[in-house]
Amino acid sequence: MTHSPPPGAPRARIPGPQQPPPSYPRIRAGLWRRCLWGGLALWALTALATYGTGNTTLLPTLILLGSFLAPVTFVLWAYERHGRDLGVSVILGCFLTGGTLGVLGASLMEYYLLHPSLSMFAGVGLIEEAMKLGALMFVLRRQTRIRGMRAGLVLGATVGFGFAALESAGYAFNAAVSAGGIDLRALLETEILRGVLAPFGHGLWTAIAGGVLLACRSPYGRFRLTGAAAATYLGVALLHTLWDSTHGIAVWLVVRLTGTGLAGQLFAEGYIPHPTEAQRHLFTLLSVGGLVAVALLGLAWARSLARRAPSWRSTP
C-alpha cells in the first residue's frame, strides 16, 4: 500500500535518465600547445646535454624527440579541433600502426621496384602514397562507422604524420652517422629542417587522399575506389613527386638559365660542380620557392575539401 504525500509537501525529485559516459577521454583544450613547447624544451635540453657530455647513449632520445615532436603536435591539434568523436584508439592506431605499415611497405617496394633514374621520384610518390592509403584502410577495416570527409582528413593526416615521424627518425640517424664518427650538427640540422617542413608533406598529402577515400566509403564500411579517389591519389602522388624533385628541378633550371651544359645529368646527380655565387643564390631561390609553391597547392586543396565537409566546423 502506497501513501501519497500530504498536500503542500515537497515532492521527491525523480532522477532523469543519465547520459552515458563519452567513448573518448576528455582532453583539455590547448594540449597541443603544451606538447609543442614542452617537447621543444626537452629536445633542446637533450641536445645541450649530448653536446656537453658527448654521451652517445642520449642520441636515441634526441632523435625520437626531434622526429616525433612536430607530427605528434599536429595530430593532437587535429584531434582536439576536429576528431574527438573518432576516439583515441583509432588515432593511435592510425599514427603507430598505419605509419609503421606505410614505412615498411614503401621501403620494401622501393627496394625491389625502383632504380636510380630520372623517373625515380615519380615512383617514390606513387608507392609511398599507395602504402599510406593501404595502411589507412587496414587500420579502419573493422571500423565501419568511420566515414566521411572530415574523418578522412583527420585520420589520413594521422597516418601521414606517423609515416613522417618514422621516416624523419631514419634520416636523422643517417645524418648522425658519418665516416668521422657522430656528426651532431648534421643531426640537429636534419631534425630542425624536417620538423619545420613536416606540416606540408606526408601529413597534408595523406589527409587529402584520405578525405576523398572515406568520403566515398559506403555505409556498410566498404572502401570504394571511385574515379574521384583514383584521381586524388594521382594528384597527391604528383605533389609528392614535385616536392621530392624540387632540388633537382632547381639545379636543372639554374643550369639552363646560366647557360651551362649537361642539364639532364646534373638534375640526376643533384648538384652543380663548382657553382658561382650567382648560381648559389639562384638555386636557393628556386629550391625554396618550389617547396613553397607545392606546399601552397596542397594547403589550398585540403582547405577546399574541408569546406565540403558538413560537420567540419561543428565538431566538438
C-alpha atoms as a PDB file:
ATOM      1  CA  MET A   1       0.000   0.000   0.000  1.00  0.00           C
ATOM      2  CA  THR A   2       1.407   3.386  -1.002  1.00  0.00           C
ATOM      3  CA  HIS A   3       0.808   6.699   0.764  1.00  0.00           C
ATOM      4  CA  SER A   4       0.578   9.934  -1.191  1.00  0.00           C
ATOM      5  CA  PRO A   5       2.347  12.931   0.346  1.00  0.00           C
ATOM      6  CA  PRO A   6       0.150  15.454   2.192  1.00  0.00           C
ATOM      7  CA  PRO A   7      -0.978  18.498   0.232  1.00  0.00           C
ATOM      8  CA  GLY A   8       1.695  21.180   0.005  1.00  0.00           C
ATOM      9  CA  ALA A   9       4.540  18.797   0.882  1.00  0.00           C
ATOM     10  CA  PRO A  10       7.558  18.933  -1.469  1.00  0.00           C
ATOM     11  CA  ARG A  11       7.686  16.097  -3.913  1.00  0.00           C
ATOM     12  CA  ALA A  12      10.740  13.927  -4.127  1.00  0.00           C
ATOM     13  CA  ARG A  13      12.689  14.586  -7.315  1.00  0.00           C
ATOM     14  CA  ILE A  14      12.956  11.590  -9.578  1.00  0.00           C
ATOM     15  CA  PRO A  15      16.340  11.472 -11.274  1.00  0.00           C
ATOM     16  CA  GLY A  16      16.151  11.709 -15.017  1.00  0.00           C
ATOM     17  CA  PRO A  17      17.957   9.439 -17.447  1.00  0.00           C
ATOM     18  CA  GLN A  18      21.718   9.635 -17.104  1.00  0.00           C
ATOM     19  CA  GLN A  19      23.863  10.395 -20.131  1.00  0.00           C
ATOM     20  CA  PRO A  20      26.261   7.562 -20.959  1.00  0.00           C
ATOM     21  CA  PRO A  21      29.909   8.425 -20.478  1.00  0.00           C
ATOM     22  CA  PRO A  22      31.641   9.507 -23.654  1.00  0.00           C
ATOM     23  CA  SER A  23      33.543   6.839 -25.532  1.00  0.00           C
ATOM     24  CA  TYR A  24      36.594   9.082 -25.756  1.00  0.00           C
ATOM     25  CA  PRO A  25      38.564  10.782 -22.978  1.00  0.00           C
ATOM     26  CA  ARG A  26      38.207  14.470 -22.405  1.00  0.00           C
ATOM     27  CA  ILE A  27      41.448  16.199 -23.323  1.00  0.00           C
ATOM     28  CA  ARG A  28      41.846  19.739 -22.136  1.00  0.00           C
ATOM     29  CA  ALA A  29      41.922  22.327 -24.885  1.00  0.00           C
ATOM     30  CA  GLY A  30      45.371  23.538 -25.793  1.00  0.00           C
ATOM     31  CA  LEU A  31      47.190  20.276 -25.060  1.00  0.00           C
ATOM     32  CA  TRP A  32      48.925  20.521 -28.420  1.00  0.00           C
ATOM     33  CA  ARG A  33      50.498  23.834 -27.363  1.00  0.00           C
ATOM     34  CA  ARG A  34      51.843  22.350 -24.137  1.00  0.00           C
ATOM     35  CA  CYS A  35      53.145  19.376 -26.105  1.00  0.00           C
ATOM     36  CA  LEU A  36      54.897  21.686 -28.569  1.00  0.00           C
ATOM     37  CA  TRP A  37      56.624  23.953 -26.067  1.00  0.00           C
ATOM     38  CA  GLY A  38      57.354  21.219 -23.555  1.00  0.00           C
ATOM     39  CA  GLY A  39      58.748  18.982 -26.283  1.00  0.00           C
ATOM     40  CA  LEU A  40      60.910  21.778 -27.654  1.00  0.00           C
ATOM     41  CA  ALA A  41      62.329  22.402 -24.185  1.00  0.00           C
ATOM     42  CA  LEU A  42      63.106  18.705 -23.663  1.00  0.00           C
ATOM     43  CA  TRP A  43      64.671  18.439 -27.119  1.00  0.00           C
ATOM     44  CA  ALA A  44      66.865  21.492 -26.500  1.00  0.00           C
ATOM     45  CA  LEU A  45      67.967  20.185 -23.082  1.00  0.00           C
ATOM     46  CA  THR A  46      68.779  16.788 -24.596  1.00  0.00           C
ATOM     47  CA  ALA A  47      70.778  18.433 -27.390  1.00  0.00           C
ATOM     48  CA  LEU A  48      72.765  20.530 -24.885  1.00  0.00           C
ATOM     49  CA  ALA A  49      73.415  17.516 -22.671  1.00  0.00           C
ATOM     50  CA  THR A  50      74.543  15.424 -25.638  1.00  0.00           C
ATOM     51  CA  TYR A  51      76.827  18.181 -26.904  1.00  0.00           C
ATOM     52  CA  GLY A  52      78.247  18.932 -23.461  1.00  0.00           C
ATOM     53  CA  THR A  53      78.897  15.372 -22.343  1.00  0.00           C
ATOM     54  CA  GLY A  54      79.483  13.593 -25.637  1.00  0.00           C
ATOM     55  CA  ASN A  55      77.286  10.783 -24.314  1.00  0.00           C
ATOM     56  CA  THR A  56      76.138   8.832 -27.359  1.00  0.00           C
ATOM     57  CA  THR A  57      73.521   6.956 -25.342  1.00  0.00           C
ATOM     58  CA  LEU A  58      71.437  10.145 -25.491  1.00  0.00           C
ATOM     59  CA  LEU A  59      71.265  10.011 -29.306  1.00  0.00           C
ATOM     60  CA  PRO A  60      68.135   7.797 -29.465  1.00  0.00           C
ATOM     61  CA  THR A  61      66.331  10.202 -27.117  1.00  0.00           C
ATOM     62  CA  LEU A  62      67.419  13.180 -29.195  1.00  0.00           C
ATOM     63  CA  ILE A  63      66.389  11.511 -32.460  1.00  0.00           C
ATOM     64  CA  LEU A  64      62.985  10.382 -31.185  1.00  0.00           C
ATOM     65  CA  LEU A  65      62.132  13.732 -29.577  1.00  0.00           C
ATOM     66  CA  GLY A  66      63.112  15.696 -32.663  1.00  0.00           C
ATOM     67  CA  SER A  67      61.434  13.337 -35.133  1.00  0.00           C
ATOM     68  CA  PHE A  68      58.113  12.881 -33.316  1.00  0.00           C
ATOM     69  CA  LEU A  69      57.589  16.369 -31.859  1.00  0.00           C
ATOM     70  CA  ALA A  70      56.063  18.120 -34.887  1.00  0.00           C
ATOM     71  CA  PRO A  71      53.978  15.129 -36.096  1.00  0.00           C
ATOM     72  CA  VAL A  72      52.536  14.421 -32.625  1.00  0.00           C
ATOM     73  CA  THR A  73      51.756  18.110 -32.102  1.00  0.00           C
ATOM     74  CA  PHE A  74      49.791  18.351 -35.340  1.00  0.00           C
ATOM     75  CA  VAL A  75      47.930  15.097 -34.655  1.00  0.00           C
ATOM     76  CA  LEU A  76      46.906  16.446 -31.224  1.00  0.00           C
ATOM     77  CA  TRP A  77      45.748  19.682 -32.836  1.00  0.00           C
ATOM     78  CA  ALA A  78      43.655  17.782 -35.396  1.00  0.00           C
ATOM     79  CA  TYR A  79      42.199  15.555 -32.669  1.00  0.00           C
ATOM     80  CA  GLU A  80      41.273  18.485 -30.413  1.00  0.00           C
ATOM     81  CA  ARG A  81      39.741  20.558 -33.174  1.00  0.00           C
ATOM     82  CA  HIS A  82      38.065  18.026 -35.440  1.00  0.00           C
ATOM     83  CA  GLY A  83      38.458  14.426 -34.279  1.00  0.00           C
ATOM     84  CA  ARG A  84      37.314  13.971 -30.674  1.00  0.00           C
ATOM     85  CA  ASP A  85      34.415  11.753 -31.671  1.00  0.00           C
ATOM     86  CA  LEU A  86      36.707   9.391 -33.585  1.00  0.00           C
ATOM     87  CA  GLY A  87      38.279   8.006 -30.410  1.00  0.00           C
ATOM     88  CA  VAL A  88      41.820   7.899 -29.087  1.00  0.00           C
ATOM     89  CA  SER A  89      42.309   4.226 -30.010  1.00  0.00           C
ATOM     90  CA  VAL A  90      41.651   4.964 -33.694  1.00  0.00           C
ATOM     91  CA  ILE A  91      44.021   7.947 -33.639  1.00  0.00           C
ATOM     92  CA  LEU A  92      46.776   5.887 -32.023  1.00  0.00           C
ATOM     93  CA  GLY A  93      46.178   3.005 -34.406  1.00  0.00           C
ATOM     94  CA  CYS A  94      46.453   5.253 -37.443  1.00  0.00           C
ATOM     95  CA  PHE A  95      49.560   7.012 -36.136  1.00  0.00           C
ATOM     96  CA  LEU A  96      51.526   3.994 -34.902  1.00  0.00           C
ATOM     97  CA  THR A  97      50.215   1.023 -36.876  1.00  0.00           C
ATOM     98  CA  GLY A  98      49.351   2.961 -40.027  1.00  0.00           C
ATOM     99  CA  GLY A  99      52.618   4.893 -40.024  1.00  0.00           C
ATOM    100  CA  THR A 100      54.707   1.777 -39.419  1.00  0.00           C
ATOM    101  CA  LEU A 101      52.957  -0.290 -42.094  1.00  0.00           C
ATOM    102  CA  GLY A 102      53.312   2.574 -44.547  1.00  0.00           C
ATOM    103  CA  VAL A 103      57.057   2.899 -43.946  1.00  0.00           C
ATOM    104  CA  LEU A 104      57.654  -0.854 -44.148  1.00  0.00           C
ATOM    105  CA  GLY A 105      55.591  -1.326 -47.298  1.00  0.00           C
ATOM    106  CA  ALA A 106      57.148   1.669 -49.038  1.00  0.00           C
ATOM    107  CA  SER A 107      60.689   0.580 -48.129  1.00  0.00           C
ATOM    108  CA  LEU A 108      60.203  -2.936 -49.486  1.00  0.00           C
ATOM    109  CA  MET A 109      58.520  -1.830 -52.710  1.00  0.00           C
ATOM    110  CA  GLU A 110      61.068   0.920 -53.392  1.00  0.00           C
ATOM    111  CA  TYR A 111      63.924  -1.517 -52.795  1.00  0.00           C
ATOM    112  CA  TYR A 112      62.637  -4.090 -55.276  1.00  0.00           C
ATOM    113  CA  LEU A 113      60.945  -1.846 -57.864  1.00  0.00           C
ATOM    114  CA  LEU A 114      62.944   1.370 -58.111  1.00  0.00           C
ATOM    115  CA  HIS A 115      66.389   2.065 -59.501  1.00  0.00           C
ATOM    116  CA  PRO A 116      68.289   5.365 -59.807  1.00  0.00           C
ATOM    117  CA  SER A 117      66.811   7.247 -62.767  1.00  0.00           C
ATOM    118  CA  LEU A 118      65.035  10.456 -63.685  1.00  0.00           C
ATOM    119  CA  SER A 119      61.683   8.758 -63.044  1.00  0.00           C
ATOM    120  CA  MET A 120      62.609   7.536 -59.579  1.00  0.00           C
ATOM    121  CA  PHE A 121      60.898  10.448 -57.806  1.00  0.00           C
ATOM    122  CA  ALA A 122      57.615   9.652 -59.537  1.00  0.00           C
ATOM    123  CA  GLY A 123      57.910   6.036 -58.432  1.00  0.00           C
ATOM    124  CA  VAL A 124      58.559   7.091 -54.835  1.00  0.00           C
ATOM    125  CA  GLY A 125      55.490   9.336 -54.842  1.00  0.00           C
ATOM    126  CA  LEU A 126      53.211   6.642 -56.272  1.00  0.00           C
ATOM    127  CA  ILE A 127      54.481   3.914 -53.939  1.00  0.00           C
ATOM    128  CA  GLU A 128      54.506   5.884 -50.691  1.00  0.00           C
ATOM    129  CA  GLU A 129      51.068   7.415 -51.199  1.00  0.00           C
ATOM    130  CA  ALA A 130      49.637   3.990 -52.078  1.00  0.00           C
ATOM    131  CA  MET A 131      51.199   2.399 -48.987  1.00  0.00           C
ATOM    132  CA  LYS A 132      49.837   5.086 -46.669  1.00  0.00           C
ATOM    133  CA  LEU A 133      46.331   4.729 -48.079  1.00  0.00           C
ATOM    134  CA  GLY A 134      46.604   0.951 -47.807  1.00  0.00           C
ATOM    135  CA  ALA A 135      47.671   1.307 -44.178  1.00  0.00           C
ATOM    136  CA  LEU A 136      44.712   3.622 -43.508  1.00  0.00           C
ATOM    137  CA  MET A 137      42.283   1.107 -44.988  1.00  0.00           C
ATOM    138  CA  PHE A 138      43.851  -1.719 -42.973  1.00  0.00           C
ATOM    139  CA  VAL A 139      43.511   0.133 -39.671  1.00  0.00           C
ATOM    140  CA  LEU A 140      39.872   1.092 -40.416  1.00  0.00           C
ATOM    141  CA  ARG A 141      38.809  -2.211 -41.957  1.00  0.00           C
ATOM    142  CA  ARG A 142      36.608  -3.078 -38.942  1.00  0.00           C
ATOM    143  CA  GLN A 143      35.629   0.491 -38.061  1.00  0.00           C
ATOM    144  CA  THR A 144      32.652   0.589 -40.407  1.00  0.00           C
ATOM    145  CA  ARG A 145      31.110   3.602 -38.690  1.00  0.00           C
ATOM    146  CA  ILE A 146      34.040   5.826 -39.619  1.00  0.00           C
ATOM    147  CA  ARG A 147      33.493   7.501 -42.961  1.00  0.00           C
ATOM    148  CA  GLY A 148      33.075  10.954 -44.418  1.00  0.00           C
ATOM    149  CA  MET A 149      35.339  13.775 -45.494  1.00  0.00           C
ATOM    150  CA  ARG A 150      36.139  15.092 -42.006  1.00  0.00           C
ATOM    151  CA  ALA A 151      37.132  11.693 -40.624  1.00  0.00           C
ATOM    152  CA  GLY A 152      39.248  11.037 -43.702  1.00  0.00           C
ATOM    153  CA  LEU A 153      41.081  14.336 -43.412  1.00  0.00           C
ATOM    154  CA  VAL A 154      41.912  13.781 -39.739  1.00  0.00           C
ATOM    155  CA  LEU A 155      42.834  10.098 -39.936  1.00  0.00           C
ATOM    156  CA  GLY A 156      44.645  10.440 -43.246  1.00  0.00           C
ATOM    157  CA  ALA A 157      46.770  13.188 -41.736  1.00  0.00           C
ATOM    158  CA  THR A 158      47.403  10.978 -38.696  1.00  0.00           C
ATOM    159  CA  VAL A 159      48.722   8.112 -40.840  1.00  0.00           C
ATOM    160  CA  GLY A 160      50.822  10.566 -42.828  1.00  0.00           C
ATOM    161  CA  PHE A 161      52.333  12.120 -39.712  1.00  0.00           C
ATOM    162  CA  GLY A 162      53.113   8.672 -38.289  1.00  0.00           C
ATOM    163  CA  PHE A 163      54.902   7.878 -41.549  1.00  0.00           C
ATOM    164  CA  ALA A 164      56.744  11.221 -41.424  1.00  0.00           C
ATOM    165  CA  ALA A 165      57.874  10.721 -37.811  1.00  0.00           C
ATOM    166  CA  LEU A 166      59.393   7.311 -38.504  1.00  0.00           C
ATOM    167  CA  GLU A 167      60.956   8.479 -41.764  1.00  0.00           C
ATOM    168  CA  SER A 168      62.467  11.531 -40.054  1.00  0.00           C
ATOM    169  CA  ALA A 169      63.976   9.312 -37.361  1.00  0.00           C
ATOM    170  CA  GLY A 170      65.705   7.317 -40.089  1.00  0.00           C
ATOM    171  CA  TYR A 171      67.024  10.414 -41.833  1.00  0.00           C
ATOM    172  CA  ALA A 172      68.260  11.824 -38.528  1.00  0.00           C
ATOM    173  CA  PHE A 173      70.092   8.595 -37.737  1.00  0.00           C
ATOM    174  CA  ASN A 174      71.735   8.562 -41.181  1.00  0.00           C
ATOM    175  CA  ALA A 175      72.775  12.193 -40.750  1.00  0.00           C
ATOM    176  CA  ALA A 176      74.311  11.481 -37.345  1.00  0.00           C
ATOM    177  CA  VAL A 177      76.459   8.570 -38.519  1.00  0.00           C
ATOM    178  CA  SER A 178      79.405   9.679 -40.649  1.00  0.00           C
ATOM    179  CA  ALA A 179      82.797   8.294 -41.586  1.00  0.00           C
ATOM    180  CA  GLY A 180      84.396  10.540 -38.988  1.00  0.00           C
ATOM    181  CA  GLY A 181      82.103   9.475 -36.152  1.00  0.00           C
ATOM    182  CA  ILE A 182      78.946  11.068 -34.774  1.00  0.00           C
ATOM    183  CA  ASP A 183      78.001  14.300 -36.553  1.00  0.00           C
ATOM    184  CA  LEU A 184      75.759  16.054 -34.012  1.00  0.00           C
ATOM    185  CA  ARG A 185      75.466  19.221 -36.084  1.00  0.00           C
ATOM    186  CA  ALA A 186      74.138  17.347 -39.125  1.00  0.00           C
ATOM    187  CA  LEU A 187      71.670  15.515 -36.877  1.00  0.00           C
ATOM    188  CA  LEU A 188      70.288  18.732 -35.392  1.00  0.00           C
ATOM    189  CA  GLU A 189      70.078  20.454 -38.790  1.00  0.00           C
ATOM    190  CA  THR A 190      68.179  17.493 -40.241  1.00  0.00           C
ATOM    191  CA  GLU A 191      65.692  17.394 -37.372  1.00  0.00           C
ATOM    192  CA  ILE A 192      65.060  21.141 -37.445  1.00  0.00           C
ATOM    193  CA  LEU A 193      64.538  21.193 -41.227  1.00  0.00           C
ATOM    194  CA  ARG A 194      62.227  18.173 -41.278  1.00  0.00           C
ATOM    195  CA  GLY A 195      60.325  19.429 -38.241  1.00  0.00           C
ATOM    196  CA  VAL A 196      59.624  22.767 -39.933  1.00  0.00           C
ATOM    197  CA  LEU A 197      58.576  21.086 -43.192  1.00  0.00           C
ATOM    198  CA  ALA A 198      56.524  18.302 -41.534  1.00  0.00           C
ATOM    199  CA  PRO A 199      53.111  20.076 -41.778  1.00  0.00           C
ATOM    200  CA  PHE A 200      53.434  20.429 -45.554  1.00  0.00           C
ATOM    201  CA  GLY A 201      54.489  16.908 -46.500  1.00  0.00           C
ATOM    202  CA  HIS A 202      53.209  13.430 -45.728  1.00  0.00           C
ATOM    203  CA  GLY A 203      50.502  14.533 -43.312  1.00  0.00           C
ATOM    204  CA  LEU A 204      49.000  17.008 -45.767  1.00  0.00           C
ATOM    205  CA  TRP A 205      49.102  14.660 -48.767  1.00  0.00           C
ATOM    206  CA  THR A 206      47.542  11.710 -46.962  1.00  0.00           C
ATOM    207  CA  ALA A 207      44.914  13.968 -45.402  1.00  0.00           C
ATOM    208  CA  ILE A 208      43.764  14.946 -48.889  1.00  0.00           C
ATOM    209  CA  ALA A 209      43.724  11.373 -50.200  1.00  0.00           C
ATOM    210  CA  GLY A 210      42.175  10.001 -47.007  1.00  0.00           C
ATOM    211  CA  GLY A 211      39.426  12.616 -47.027  1.00  0.00           C
ATOM    212  CA  VAL A 212      38.277  11.662 -50.516  1.00  0.00           C
ATOM    213  CA  LEU A 213      38.688   7.930 -49.823  1.00  0.00           C
ATOM    214  CA  LEU A 214      36.474   7.985 -46.713  1.00  0.00           C
ATOM    215  CA  ALA A 215      34.005  10.348 -48.359  1.00  0.00           C
ATOM    216  CA  CYS A 216      33.458   7.603 -50.947  1.00  0.00           C
ATOM    217  CA  ARG A 217      33.189   4.833 -48.334  1.00  0.00           C
ATOM    218  CA  SER A 218      29.852   3.004 -48.315  1.00  0.00           C
ATOM    219  CA  PRO A 219      27.574   2.997 -45.222  1.00  0.00           C
ATOM    220  CA  TYR A 220      28.481  -0.679 -44.758  1.00  0.00           C
ATOM    221  CA  GLY A 221      32.196   0.100 -44.472  1.00  0.00           C
ATOM    222  CA  ARG A 222      33.299  -0.955 -47.942  1.00  0.00           C
ATOM    223  CA  PHE A 223      36.047   1.139 -49.484  1.00  0.00           C
ATOM    224  CA  ARG A 224      35.088   2.168 -52.989  1.00  0.00           C
ATOM    225  CA  LEU A 225      37.919   3.070 -55.328  1.00  0.00           C
ATOM    226  CA  THR A 226      35.939   5.571 -57.371  1.00  0.00           C
ATOM    227  CA  GLY A 227      37.217   7.826 -60.106  1.00  0.00           C
ATOM    228  CA  ALA A 228      37.462  10.709 -57.635  1.00  0.00           C
ATOM    229  CA  ALA A 229      39.534   8.614 -55.229  1.00  0.00           C
ATOM    230  CA  ALA A 230      41.860   7.442 -58.020  1.00  0.00           C
ATOM    231  CA  ALA A 231      42.306  10.984 -59.377  1.00  0.00           C
ATOM    232  CA  THR A 232      43.034  12.296 -55.886  1.00  0.00           C
ATOM    233  CA  TYR A 233      45.633   9.584 -55.319  1.00  0.00           C
ATOM    234  CA  LEU A 234      47.383  10.513 -58.574  1.00  0.00           C
ATOM    235  CA  GLY A 235      47.180  14.184 -57.643  1.00  0.00           C
ATOM    236  CA  VAL A 236      48.810  13.789 -54.229  1.00  0.00           C
ATOM    237  CA  ALA A 237      51.412  11.464 -55.754  1.00  0.00           C
ATOM    238  CA  LEU A 238      52.214  14.289 -58.178  1.00  0.00           C
ATOM    239  CA  LEU A 239      52.564  16.761 -55.292  1.00  0.00           C
ATOM    240  CA  HIS A 240      54.847  14.265 -53.557  1.00  0.00           C
ATOM    241  CA  THR A 241      56.922  13.872 -56.708  1.00  0.00           C
ATOM    242  CA  LEU A 242      57.269  17.623 -57.184  1.00  0.00           C
ATOM    243  CA  TRP A 243      58.238  18.077 -53.530  1.00  0.00           C
ATOM    244  CA  ASP A 244      60.956  15.420 -53.687  1.00  0.00           C
ATOM    245  CA  SER A 245      62.311  16.600 -57.036  1.00  0.00           C
ATOM    246  CA  THR A 246      62.375  20.318 -56.188  1.00  0.00           C
ATOM    247  CA  HIS A 247      66.108  20.151 -55.515  1.00  0.00           C
ATOM    248  CA  GLY A 248      66.837  18.551 -58.884  1.00  0.00           C
ATOM    249  CA  ILE A 249      64.458  20.859 -60.722  1.00  0.00           C
ATOM    250  CA  ALA A 250      66.196  23.868 -59.166  1.00  0.00           C
ATOM    251  CA  VAL A 251      69.579  22.530 -60.312  1.00  0.00           C
ATOM    252  CA  TRP A 252      68.226  21.966 -63.833  1.00  0.00           C
ATOM    253  CA  LEU A 253      66.750  25.471 -64.009  1.00  0.00           C
ATOM    254  CA  VAL A 254      69.957  27.067 -62.759  1.00  0.00           C
ATOM    255  CA  VAL A 255      71.956  25.204 -65.375  1.00  0.00           C
ATOM    256  CA  ARG A 256      69.525  26.159 -68.150  1.00  0.00           C
ATOM    257  CA  LEU A 257      69.308  29.805 -67.098  1.00  0.00           C
ATOM    258  CA  THR A 258      73.054  30.266 -66.680  1.00  0.00           C
ATOM    259  CA  GLY A 259      73.943  28.569 -69.965  1.00  0.00           C
ATOM    260  CA  THR A 260      75.849  25.559 -68.591  1.00  0.00           C
ATOM    261  CA  GLY A 261      75.611  22.210 -70.414  1.00  0.00           C
ATOM    262  CA  LEU A 262      74.725  18.731 -69.120  1.00  0.00           C
ATOM    263  CA  ALA A 263      71.423  19.880 -67.588  1.00  0.00           C
ATOM    264  CA  GLY A 264      69.854  16.412 -67.515  1.00  0.00           C
ATOM    265  CA  GLN A 265      72.907  14.774 -65.969  1.00  0.00           C
ATOM    266  CA  LEU A 266      73.146  17.428 -63.264  1.00  0.00           C
ATOM    267  CA  PHE A 267      69.439  17.002 -62.459  1.00  0.00           C
ATOM    268  CA  ALA A 268      70.035  13.306 -61.776  1.00  0.00           C
ATOM    269  CA  GLU A 269      73.172  13.987 -59.720  1.00  0.00           C
ATOM    270  CA  GLY A 270      71.506  16.792 -57.781  1.00  0.00           C
ATOM    271  CA  TYR A 271      74.361  19.267 -57.610  1.00  0.00           C
ATOM    272  CA  ILE A 272      76.352  21.751 -59.696  1.00  0.00           C
ATOM    273  CA  PRO A 273      80.121  21.278 -59.670  1.00  0.00           C
ATOM    274  CA  HIS A 274      81.949  24.466 -58.734  1.00  0.00           C
ATOM    275  CA  PRO A 275      78.899  26.780 -58.732  1.00  0.00           C
ATOM    276  CA  THR A 276      79.354  30.532 -58.941  1.00  0.00           C
ATOM    277  CA  GLU A 277      77.980  32.882 -56.314  1.00  0.00           C
ATOM    278  CA  ALA A 278      75.119  33.872 -58.619  1.00  0.00           C
ATOM    279  CA  GLN A 279      74.265  30.215 -59.198  1.00  0.00           C
ATOM    280  CA  ARG A 280      74.152  29.562 -55.444  1.00  0.00           C
ATOM    281  CA  HIS A 281      71.727  32.414 -54.865  1.00  0.00           C
ATOM    282  CA  LEU A 282      69.557  31.393 -57.815  1.00  0.00           C
ATOM    283  CA  PHE A 283      69.487  27.780 -56.657  1.00  0.00           C
ATOM    284  CA  THR A 284      68.386  28.790 -53.153  1.00  0.00           C
ATOM    285  CA  LEU A 285      65.644  30.997 -54.555  1.00  0.00           C
ATOM    286  CA  LEU A 286      64.326  28.333 -56.924  1.00  0.00           C
ATOM    287  CA  SER A 287      64.506  25.433 -54.474  1.00  0.00           C
ATOM    288  CA  VAL A 288      62.825  27.278 -51.611  1.00  0.00           C
ATOM    289  CA  GLY A 289      60.313  28.851 -53.982  1.00  0.00           C
ATOM    290  CA  GLY A 290      59.455  25.423 -55.384  1.00  0.00           C
ATOM    291  CA  LEU A 291      58.789  23.989 -51.928  1.00  0.00           C
ATOM    292  CA  VAL A 292      56.590  26.963 -51.047  1.00  0.00           C
ATOM    293  CA  ALA A 293      54.601  26.606 -54.274  1.00  0.00           C
ATOM    294  CA  VAL A 294      53.972  22.873 -53.718  1.00  0.00           C
ATOM    295  CA  ALA A 295      53.014  23.499 -50.085  1.00  0.00           C
ATOM    296  CA  LEU A 296      50.536  26.223 -51.048  1.00  0.00           C
ATOM    297  CA  LEU A 297      48.940  23.957 -53.649  1.00  0.00           C
ATOM    298  CA  GLY A 298      48.490  21.217 -51.068  1.00  0.00           C
ATOM    299  CA  LEU A 299      47.097  23.591 -48.441  1.00  0.00           C
ATOM    300  CA  ALA A 300      44.624  25.105 -50.896  1.00  0.00           C
ATOM    301  CA  TRP A 301      43.464  21.635 -51.941  1.00  0.00           C
ATOM    302  CA  ALA A 302      42.998  20.466 -48.343  1.00  0.00           C
ATOM    303  CA  ARG A 303      41.154  23.660 -47.450  1.00  0.00           C
ATOM    304  CA  SER A 304      38.748  23.220 -50.355  1.00  0.00           C
ATOM    305  CA  LEU A 305      37.987  19.665 -49.192  1.00  0.00           C
ATOM    306  CA  ALA A 306      37.478  20.795 -45.602  1.00  0.00           C
ATOM    307  CA  ARG A 307      34.865  23.305 -46.732  1.00  0.00           C
ATOM    308  CA  ARG A 308      32.871  20.461 -48.283  1.00  0.00           C
ATOM    309  CA  ALA A 309      32.737  18.521 -45.002  1.00  0.00           C
ATOM    310  CA  PRO A 310      29.318  19.442 -43.484  1.00  0.00           C
ATOM    311  CA  SER A 311      30.414  18.726 -39.905  1.00  0.00           C
ATOM    312  CA  TRP A 312      33.901  20.230 -40.108  1.00  0.00           C
ATOM    313  CA  ARG A 313      33.106  23.421 -38.206  1.00  0.00           C
ATOM    314  CA  SER A 314      30.589  21.855 -35.828  1.00  0.00           C
ATOM    315  CA  THR A 315      32.884  19.178 -34.453  1.00  0.00           C
ATOM    316  CA  PRO A 316      33.127  19.289 -30.622  1.00  0.00           C
END
